[in-house]
Amino acid sequence: MTNGNPFIDILKENWKHARHVESERMWFANIFAAIFAGTIAYLSQAGFSRPPLVLLIILAVFCLLVTIKINAAFGGHIKAIESILDDKKIDIGEEEEWRKYMGLPKRKCWWWKFCRVSVLTILFYIAVIGFLSYKIACPA
């Protein structure tokens, strides 16, 4: 810890953890996408059958649940950072000034919440589950 304000250390730790959690989420999604794409490519040549598709659905549901957990952890770290700054525990100037350097832009529009990576990642898993469910229900 530094000799100065302990909230600086708390902010730094939360920022490091948030970055780590974000990296985890992306690695998790990348690994799943590779497994999904490889399996679908193989099955498109060999013929779609239910057992591999069911296993992919189980994996997609697992990934969805893990992503929801990771998103909650990420949100907690970001909220902690914003609380430190909003409560003015650290004097760093005007809000607009520090937000542009912290990477915490103000959410001005309703669609901003929809276009976040956390929401899009969840929608990706839901779309995959829907696609796989369709392939199981309607084998062509």
N, C-alpha and C. Protein backbone atom coordinates (compact mmCIF):
# COMPACT_ATOMS: atom_id res chain seq x y z
N MET A 1 0.84 -1.18 0.00
CA MET A 1 0.00 0.00 0.00
C MET A 1 0.88 1.24 0.00
N THR A 2 0.35 2.26 -0.57
CA THR A 2 1.08 3.52 -0.58
C THR A 2 0.87 4.24 0.75
N ASN A 3 1.71 5.20 1.00
CA ASN A 3 1.59 5.98 2.24
C ASN A 3 0.45 6.99 2.18
N GLY A 4 -0.05 7.25 0.98
CA GLY A 4 -1.09 8.27 0.80
C GLY A 4 -2.48 7.70 1.03
N ASN A 5 -3.38 8.07 0.18
CA ASN A 5 -4.78 7.70 0.26
C ASN A 5 -4.96 6.20 -0.04
N PRO A 6 -5.54 5.43 0.88
CA PRO A 6 -5.74 4.00 0.64
C PRO A 6 -6.73 3.72 -0.50
N PHE A 7 -7.57 4.69 -0.80
CA PHE A 7 -8.54 4.48 -1.88
C PHE A 7 -7.87 4.41 -3.24
N ILE A 8 -6.68 4.99 -3.37
CA ILE A 8 -5.93 4.87 -4.63
C ILE A 8 -5.56 3.41 -4.85
N ASP A 9 -5.08 2.75 -3.80
CA ASP A 9 -4.73 1.33 -3.91
C ASP A 9 -5.97 0.48 -4.19
N ILE A 10 -7.07 0.80 -3.53
CA ILE A 10 -8.31 0.06 -3.74
C ILE A 10 -8.77 0.23 -5.18
N LEU A 11 -8.71 1.44 -5.69
CA LEU A 11 -9.09 1.70 -7.08
C LEU A 11 -8.20 0.92 -8.04
N LYS A 12 -6.90 0.95 -7.81
CA LYS A 12 -5.97 0.23 -8.68
C LYS A 12 -6.25 -1.27 -8.68
N GLU A 13 -6.48 -1.84 -7.50
CA GLU A 13 -6.76 -3.27 -7.41
C GLU A 13 -8.06 -3.63 -8.12
N ASN A 14 -9.09 -2.82 -7.94
CA ASN A 14 -10.35 -3.09 -8.62
C ASN A 14 -10.18 -2.98 -10.13
N TRP A 15 -9.40 -2.02 -10.58
CA TRP A 15 -9.17 -1.86 -12.02
C TRP A 15 -8.42 -3.07 -12.58
N LYS A 16 -7.40 -3.55 -11.85
CA LYS A 16 -6.65 -4.73 -12.29
C LYS A 16 -7.55 -5.95 -12.34
N HIS A 17 -8.37 -6.12 -11.31
CA HIS A 17 -9.28 -7.27 -11.28
C HIS A 17 -10.31 -7.19 -12.40
N ALA A 18 -10.82 -6.00 -12.66
CA ALA A 18 -11.80 -5.83 -13.74
C ALA A 18 -11.18 -6.20 -15.08
N ARG A 19 -9.96 -5.77 -15.31
CA ARG A 19 -9.28 -6.12 -16.56
C ARG A 19 -9.05 -7.62 -16.66
N HIS A 20 -8.68 -8.24 -15.54
CA HIS A 20 -8.46 -9.69 -15.53
C HIS A 20 -9.76 -10.44 -15.84
N VAL A 21 -10.85 -10.03 -15.21
CA VAL A 21 -12.13 -10.68 -15.43
C VAL A 21 -12.58 -10.50 -16.88
N GLU A 22 -12.34 -9.33 -17.44
CA GLU A 22 -12.69 -9.08 -18.84
C GLU A 22 -11.89 -10.00 -19.76
N SER A 23 -10.61 -10.18 -19.46
CA SER A 23 -9.79 -11.10 -20.25
C SER A 23 -10.29 -12.53 -20.12
N GLU A 24 -10.66 -12.93 -18.92
CA GLU A 24 -11.22 -14.27 -18.71
C GLU A 24 -12.45 -14.48 -19.59
N ARG A 25 -13.33 -13.51 -19.58
CA ARG A 25 -14.57 -13.61 -20.36
C ARG A 25 -14.26 -13.80 -21.84
N MET A 26 -13.32 -13.03 -22.36
CA MET A 26 -12.99 -13.12 -23.77
C MET A 26 -12.30 -14.44 -24.12
N TRP A 27 -11.41 -14.91 -23.26
CA TRP A 27 -10.76 -16.20 -23.49
C TRP A 27 -11.79 -17.31 -23.48
N PHE A 28 -12.70 -17.25 -22.53
CA PHE A 28 -13.75 -18.26 -22.43
C PHE A 28 -14.59 -18.27 -23.70
N ALA A 29 -14.99 -17.10 -24.18
CA ALA A 29 -15.80 -17.01 -25.39
C ALA A 29 -15.01 -17.48 -26.62
N ASN A 30 -13.73 -17.16 -26.68
CA ASN A 30 -12.89 -17.58 -27.81
C ASN A 30 -12.75 -19.09 -27.86
N ILE A 31 -12.51 -19.70 -26.72
CA ILE A 31 -12.37 -21.16 -26.67
C ILE A 31 -13.68 -21.82 -27.08
N PHE A 32 -14.79 -21.32 -26.55
CA PHE A 32 -16.08 -21.88 -26.91
C PHE A 32 -16.34 -21.72 -28.41
N ALA A 33 -16.07 -20.55 -28.96
CA ALA A 33 -16.30 -20.31 -30.38
C ALA A 33 -15.47 -21.25 -31.24
N ALA A 34 -14.24 -21.52 -30.84
CA ALA A 34 -13.39 -22.44 -31.59
C ALA A 34 -13.95 -23.86 -31.54
N ILE A 35 -14.36 -24.30 -30.35
CA ILE A 35 -14.95 -25.64 -30.22
C ILE A 35 -16.24 -25.73 -31.04
N PHE A 36 -17.07 -24.71 -30.93
CA PHE A 36 -18.34 -24.70 -31.65
C PHE A 36 -18.12 -24.72 -33.16
N ALA A 37 -17.26 -23.84 -33.65
CA ALA A 37 -17.01 -23.76 -35.09
C ALA A 37 -16.40 -25.06 -35.62
N GLY A 38 -15.44 -25.61 -34.88
CA GLY A 38 -14.82 -26.86 -35.31
C GLY A 38 -15.81 -28.02 -35.34
N THR A 39 -16.64 -28.10 -34.32
CA THR A 39 -17.62 -29.18 -34.26
C THR A 39 -18.66 -29.03 -35.37
N ILE A 40 -19.15 -27.83 -35.59
CA ILE A 40 -20.13 -27.60 -36.65
C ILE A 40 -19.51 -27.88 -38.02
N ALA A 41 -18.27 -27.48 -38.22
CA ALA A 41 -17.60 -27.75 -39.50
C ALA A 41 -17.47 -29.26 -39.72
N TYR A 42 -17.08 -29.99 -38.69
CA TYR A 42 -16.97 -31.44 -38.80
C TYR A 42 -18.33 -32.08 -39.05
N LEU A 43 -19.33 -31.65 -38.29
CA LEU A 43 -20.66 -32.24 -38.44
C LEU A 43 -21.29 -31.91 -39.79
N SER A 44 -20.95 -30.78 -40.36
CA SER A 44 -21.51 -30.44 -41.67
C SER A 44 -20.98 -31.38 -42.75
N GLN A 45 -19.78 -31.91 -42.54
CA GLN A 45 -19.22 -32.89 -43.47
C GLN A 45 -19.69 -34.31 -43.15
N ALA A 46 -19.72 -34.66 -41.87
CA ALA A 46 -20.03 -36.02 -41.45
C ALA A 46 -21.53 -36.25 -41.28
N GLY A 47 -22.29 -35.19 -41.25
CA GLY A 47 -23.73 -35.32 -41.02
C GLY A 47 -24.06 -34.99 -39.58
N PHE A 48 -25.07 -34.15 -39.42
CA PHE A 48 -25.47 -33.74 -38.07
C PHE A 48 -26.15 -34.89 -37.37
N SER A 49 -25.73 -35.13 -36.15
CA SER A 49 -26.38 -36.15 -35.32
C SER A 49 -26.64 -35.55 -33.95
N ARG A 50 -27.58 -36.11 -33.25
CA ARG A 50 -28.02 -35.51 -31.99
C ARG A 50 -26.98 -35.51 -30.87
N PRO A 51 -26.26 -36.61 -30.62
CA PRO A 51 -25.35 -36.59 -29.45
C PRO A 51 -24.34 -35.44 -29.43
N PRO A 52 -23.64 -35.16 -30.55
CA PRO A 52 -22.70 -34.02 -30.48
C PRO A 52 -23.42 -32.68 -30.30
N LEU A 53 -24.60 -32.55 -30.91
CA LEU A 53 -25.35 -31.31 -30.77
C LEU A 53 -25.83 -31.11 -29.34
N VAL A 54 -26.26 -32.19 -28.70
CA VAL A 54 -26.69 -32.10 -27.30
C VAL A 54 -25.50 -31.72 -26.41
N LEU A 55 -24.34 -32.31 -26.69
CA LEU A 55 -23.14 -31.94 -25.92
C LEU A 55 -22.79 -30.47 -26.13
N LEU A 56 -22.94 -29.97 -27.34
CA LEU A 56 -22.68 -28.55 -27.59
C LEU A 56 -23.68 -27.67 -26.85
N ILE A 57 -24.94 -28.10 -26.78
CA ILE A 57 -25.93 -27.32 -26.02
C ILE A 57 -25.56 -27.29 -24.54
N ILE A 58 -25.15 -28.42 -24.01
CA ILE A 58 -24.74 -28.47 -22.60
C ILE A 58 -23.54 -27.55 -22.37
N LEU A 59 -22.58 -27.60 -23.28
CA LEU A 59 -21.41 -26.72 -23.17
C LEU A 59 -21.82 -25.25 -23.29
N ALA A 60 -22.73 -24.94 -24.20
CA ALA A 60 -23.19 -23.56 -24.37
C ALA A 60 -23.92 -23.05 -23.14
N VAL A 61 -24.75 -23.89 -22.53
CA VAL A 61 -25.45 -23.49 -21.31
C VAL A 61 -24.44 -23.26 -20.19
N PHE A 62 -23.46 -24.14 -20.07
CA PHE A 62 -22.41 -23.97 -19.06
C PHE A 62 -21.66 -22.65 -19.29
N CYS A 63 -21.29 -22.39 -20.54
CA CYS A 63 -20.58 -21.15 -20.86
C CYS A 63 -21.45 -19.93 -20.58
N LEU A 64 -22.73 -20.03 -20.86
CA LEU A 64 -23.65 -18.93 -20.57
C LEU A 64 -23.68 -18.63 -19.08
N LEU A 65 -23.79 -19.68 -18.26
CA LEU A 65 -23.84 -19.49 -16.81
C LEU A 65 -22.52 -18.91 -16.28
N VAL A 66 -21.40 -19.40 -16.79
CA VAL A 66 -20.10 -18.86 -16.37
C VAL A 66 -19.96 -17.41 -16.79
N THR A 67 -20.44 -17.08 -17.98
CA THR A 67 -20.37 -15.70 -18.46
C THR A 67 -21.21 -14.78 -17.60
N ILE A 68 -22.39 -15.23 -17.19
CA ILE A 68 -23.23 -14.42 -16.30
C ILE A 68 -22.50 -14.16 -14.99
N LYS A 69 -21.83 -15.18 -14.46
CA LYS A 69 -21.05 -15.03 -13.22
C LYS A 69 -19.89 -14.06 -13.42
N ILE A 70 -19.18 -14.21 -14.52
CA ILE A 70 -18.05 -13.32 -14.82
C ILE A 70 -18.53 -11.88 -15.00
N ASN A 71 -19.67 -11.70 -15.68
CA ASN A 71 -20.21 -10.36 -15.87
C ASN A 71 -20.56 -9.71 -14.54
N ALA A 72 -21.08 -10.51 -13.61
CA ALA A 72 -21.42 -9.96 -12.29
C ALA A 72 -20.15 -9.52 -11.55
N ALA A 73 -19.09 -10.32 -11.64
CA ALA A 73 -17.82 -9.95 -11.00
C ALA A 73 -17.25 -8.68 -11.64
N PHE A 74 -17.29 -8.61 -12.95
CA PHE A 74 -16.80 -7.43 -13.65
C PHE A 74 -17.59 -6.19 -13.24
N GLY A 75 -18.90 -6.32 -13.22
CA GLY A 75 -19.75 -5.20 -12.82
C GLY A 75 -19.48 -4.74 -11.40
N GLY A 76 -19.20 -5.68 -10.52
CA GLY A 76 -18.88 -5.32 -9.14
C GLY A 76 -17.61 -4.49 -9.04
N HIS A 77 -16.60 -4.86 -9.80
CA HIS A 77 -15.35 -4.10 -9.78
C HIS A 77 -15.54 -2.70 -10.37
N ILE A 78 -16.28 -2.62 -11.46
CA ILE A 78 -16.51 -1.31 -12.08
C ILE A 78 -17.34 -0.43 -11.15
N LYS A 79 -18.34 -1.01 -10.50
CA LYS A 79 -19.15 -0.23 -9.55
C LYS A 79 -18.31 0.26 -8.38
N ALA A 80 -17.38 -0.57 -7.91
CA ALA A 80 -16.50 -0.15 -6.82
C ALA A 80 -15.64 1.03 -7.26
N ILE A 81 -15.13 0.96 -8.48
CA ILE A 81 -14.32 2.06 -9.01
C ILE A 81 -15.16 3.33 -9.11
N GLU A 82 -16.35 3.19 -9.68
CA GLU A 82 -17.21 4.36 -9.84
C GLU A 82 -17.63 4.93 -8.49
N SER A 83 -17.84 4.07 -7.49
CA SER A 83 -18.20 4.55 -6.15
C SER A 83 -17.08 5.37 -5.54
N ILE A 84 -15.86 4.89 -5.68
CA ILE A 84 -14.71 5.64 -5.15
C ILE A 84 -14.65 7.02 -5.79
N LEU A 85 -14.85 7.04 -7.10
CA LEU A 85 -14.77 8.32 -7.82
C LEU A 85 -15.99 9.20 -7.56
N ASP A 86 -17.19 8.61 -7.56
CA ASP A 86 -18.41 9.39 -7.33
C ASP A 86 -18.46 9.95 -5.91
N ASP A 87 -17.97 9.16 -4.93
CA ASP A 87 -17.97 9.63 -3.54
C ASP A 87 -16.81 10.58 -3.25
N LYS A 88 -16.03 10.85 -4.29
CA LYS A 88 -14.88 11.77 -4.19
C LYS A 88 -13.90 11.36 -3.09
N LYS A 89 -13.66 10.05 -3.01
CA LYS A 89 -12.65 9.54 -2.07
C LYS A 89 -11.25 9.88 -2.56
N ILE A 90 -11.16 10.13 -3.87
CA ILE A 90 -9.90 10.55 -4.48
C ILE A 90 -10.20 11.82 -5.25
N ASP A 91 -9.45 12.85 -4.99
CA ASP A 91 -9.66 14.11 -5.70
C ASP A 91 -8.84 14.08 -6.98
N ILE A 92 -9.55 13.91 -8.09
CA ILE A 92 -8.84 13.86 -9.37
C ILE A 92 -9.43 14.83 -10.39
N GLY A 93 -10.15 15.81 -9.93
CA GLY A 93 -10.66 16.84 -10.84
C GLY A 93 -12.10 16.62 -11.25
N GLU A 94 -12.44 17.23 -12.36
CA GLU A 94 -13.81 17.18 -12.87
C GLU A 94 -14.15 15.80 -13.41
N GLU A 95 -15.43 15.43 -13.27
CA GLU A 95 -15.88 14.09 -13.68
C GLU A 95 -15.63 13.81 -15.16
N GLU A 96 -15.98 14.74 -16.02
CA GLU A 96 -15.79 14.52 -17.46
C GLU A 96 -14.32 14.29 -17.78
N GLU A 97 -13.45 14.95 -17.06
CA GLU A 97 -12.02 14.82 -17.30
C GLU A 97 -11.52 13.43 -16.95
N TRP A 98 -11.85 12.93 -15.74
CA TRP A 98 -11.33 11.63 -15.35
C TRP A 98 -12.02 10.49 -16.06
N ARG A 99 -13.28 10.64 -16.44
CA ARG A 99 -13.99 9.57 -17.13
C ARG A 99 -13.34 9.26 -18.49
N LYS A 100 -12.84 10.27 -19.18
CA LYS A 100 -12.25 10.00 -20.49
C LYS A 100 -10.92 9.27 -20.35
N TYR A 101 -10.24 9.42 -19.23
CA TYR A 101 -8.98 8.72 -19.01
C TYR A 101 -9.17 7.35 -18.37
N MET A 102 -10.24 7.18 -17.62
CA MET A 102 -10.50 5.91 -16.95
C MET A 102 -11.18 4.89 -17.87
N GLY A 103 -11.70 5.33 -18.99
CA GLY A 103 -12.42 4.41 -19.86
C GLY A 103 -13.81 4.11 -19.33
N LEU A 104 -14.39 5.01 -18.58
CA LEU A 104 -15.73 4.85 -18.05
C LEU A 104 -16.62 5.95 -18.63
N PRO A 105 -17.00 5.82 -19.89
CA PRO A 105 -17.81 6.87 -20.49
C PRO A 105 -19.19 6.94 -19.87
N LYS A 106 -19.78 8.11 -19.89
CA LYS A 106 -21.14 8.27 -19.38
C LYS A 106 -22.10 7.57 -20.34
N ARG A 107 -23.03 6.87 -19.78
CA ARG A 107 -24.03 6.18 -20.59
C ARG A 107 -25.15 7.15 -20.89
N LYS A 108 -25.18 7.64 -22.11
CA LYS A 108 -26.13 8.70 -22.46
C LYS A 108 -27.41 8.15 -23.10
N CYS A 109 -27.32 7.03 -23.80
CA CYS A 109 -28.46 6.52 -24.56
C CYS A 109 -28.89 5.15 -24.02
N TRP A 110 -30.14 4.80 -24.27
CA TRP A 110 -30.66 3.51 -23.82
C TRP A 110 -29.95 2.35 -24.49
N TRP A 111 -29.51 2.52 -25.74
CA TRP A 111 -28.88 1.42 -26.45
C TRP A 111 -27.45 1.17 -25.97
N TRP A 112 -26.91 2.08 -25.18
CA TRP A 112 -25.55 1.89 -24.68
C TRP A 112 -25.47 0.62 -23.82
N LYS A 113 -26.50 0.39 -23.01
CA LYS A 113 -26.51 -0.80 -22.16
C LYS A 113 -26.60 -2.07 -23.01
N PHE A 114 -27.30 -2.00 -24.12
CA PHE A 114 -27.45 -3.17 -24.99
C PHE A 114 -26.16 -3.49 -25.73
N CYS A 115 -25.39 -2.50 -26.11
CA CYS A 115 -24.20 -2.68 -26.93
C CYS A 115 -22.94 -2.99 -26.13
N ARG A 116 -23.09 -3.34 -24.87
CA ARG A 116 -21.92 -3.70 -24.06
C ARG A 116 -21.51 -5.13 -24.35
N VAL A 117 -20.24 -5.43 -24.18
CA VAL A 117 -19.72 -6.77 -24.43
C VAL A 117 -20.42 -7.79 -23.55
N SER A 118 -20.71 -7.43 -22.31
CA SER A 118 -21.36 -8.39 -21.41
C SER A 118 -22.71 -8.84 -21.95
N VAL A 119 -23.48 -7.94 -22.51
CA VAL A 119 -24.79 -8.28 -23.06
C VAL A 119 -24.62 -9.05 -24.37
N LEU A 120 -23.72 -8.59 -25.23
CA LEU A 120 -23.52 -9.26 -26.52
C LEU A 120 -22.99 -10.67 -26.35
N THR A 121 -22.16 -10.90 -25.36
CA THR A 121 -21.64 -12.25 -25.11
C THR A 121 -22.78 -13.17 -24.69
N ILE A 122 -23.65 -12.71 -23.83
CA ILE A 122 -24.80 -13.52 -23.42
C ILE A 122 -25.70 -13.80 -24.62
N LEU A 123 -25.94 -12.79 -25.44
CA LEU A 123 -26.76 -12.99 -26.64
C LEU A 123 -26.12 -13.99 -27.60
N PHE A 124 -24.80 -14.00 -27.68
CA PHE A 124 -24.09 -14.97 -28.51
C PHE A 124 -24.40 -16.39 -28.05
N TYR A 125 -24.28 -16.65 -26.75
CA TYR A 125 -24.57 -18.00 -26.24
C TYR A 125 -26.03 -18.37 -26.44
N ILE A 126 -26.94 -17.44 -26.25
CA ILE A 126 -28.36 -17.71 -26.46
C ILE A 126 -28.62 -18.04 -27.93
N ALA A 127 -27.98 -17.31 -28.84
CA ALA A 127 -28.14 -17.59 -30.27
C ALA A 127 -27.61 -18.97 -30.62
N VAL A 128 -26.48 -19.35 -30.04
CA VAL A 128 -25.91 -20.67 -30.30
C VAL A 128 -26.85 -21.75 -29.77
N ILE A 129 -27.38 -21.56 -28.56
CA ILE A 129 -28.31 -22.54 -28.00
C ILE A 129 -29.55 -22.64 -28.89
N GLY A 130 -30.04 -21.51 -29.38
CA GLY A 130 -31.19 -21.54 -30.28
C GLY A 130 -30.89 -22.26 -31.57
N PHE A 131 -29.74 -22.00 -32.16
CA PHE A 131 -29.35 -22.67 -33.40
C PHE A 131 -29.25 -24.17 -33.20
N LEU A 132 -28.58 -24.57 -32.13
CA LEU A 132 -28.41 -26.00 -31.88
C LEU A 132 -29.75 -26.68 -31.58
N SER A 133 -30.60 -26.00 -30.85
CA SER A 133 -31.93 -26.55 -30.56
C SER A 133 -32.72 -26.75 -31.85
N TYR A 134 -32.62 -25.78 -32.75
CA TYR A 134 -33.28 -25.90 -34.05
C TYR A 134 -32.73 -27.09 -34.83
N LYS A 135 -31.41 -27.26 -34.84
CA LYS A 135 -30.80 -28.38 -35.58
C LYS A 135 -31.23 -29.72 -35.00
N ILE A 136 -31.44 -29.78 -33.68
CA ILE A 136 -31.89 -31.03 -33.07
C ILE A 136 -33.36 -31.28 -33.40
N ALA A 137 -34.17 -30.22 -33.28
CA ALA A 137 -35.62 -30.36 -33.50
C ALA A 137 -35.98 -30.58 -34.96
N CYS A 138 -35.22 -29.98 -35.85
CA CYS A 138 -35.53 -30.05 -37.29
C CYS A 138 -34.34 -30.56 -38.07
N PRO A 139 -33.97 -31.83 -37.93
CA PRO A 139 -32.82 -32.32 -38.71
C PRO A 139 -33.22 -32.38 -40.18
N ALA A 140 -32.40 -31.80 -41.02
CA ALA A 140 -32.75 -31.77 -42.45
C ALA A 140 -31.77 -32.53 -43.29
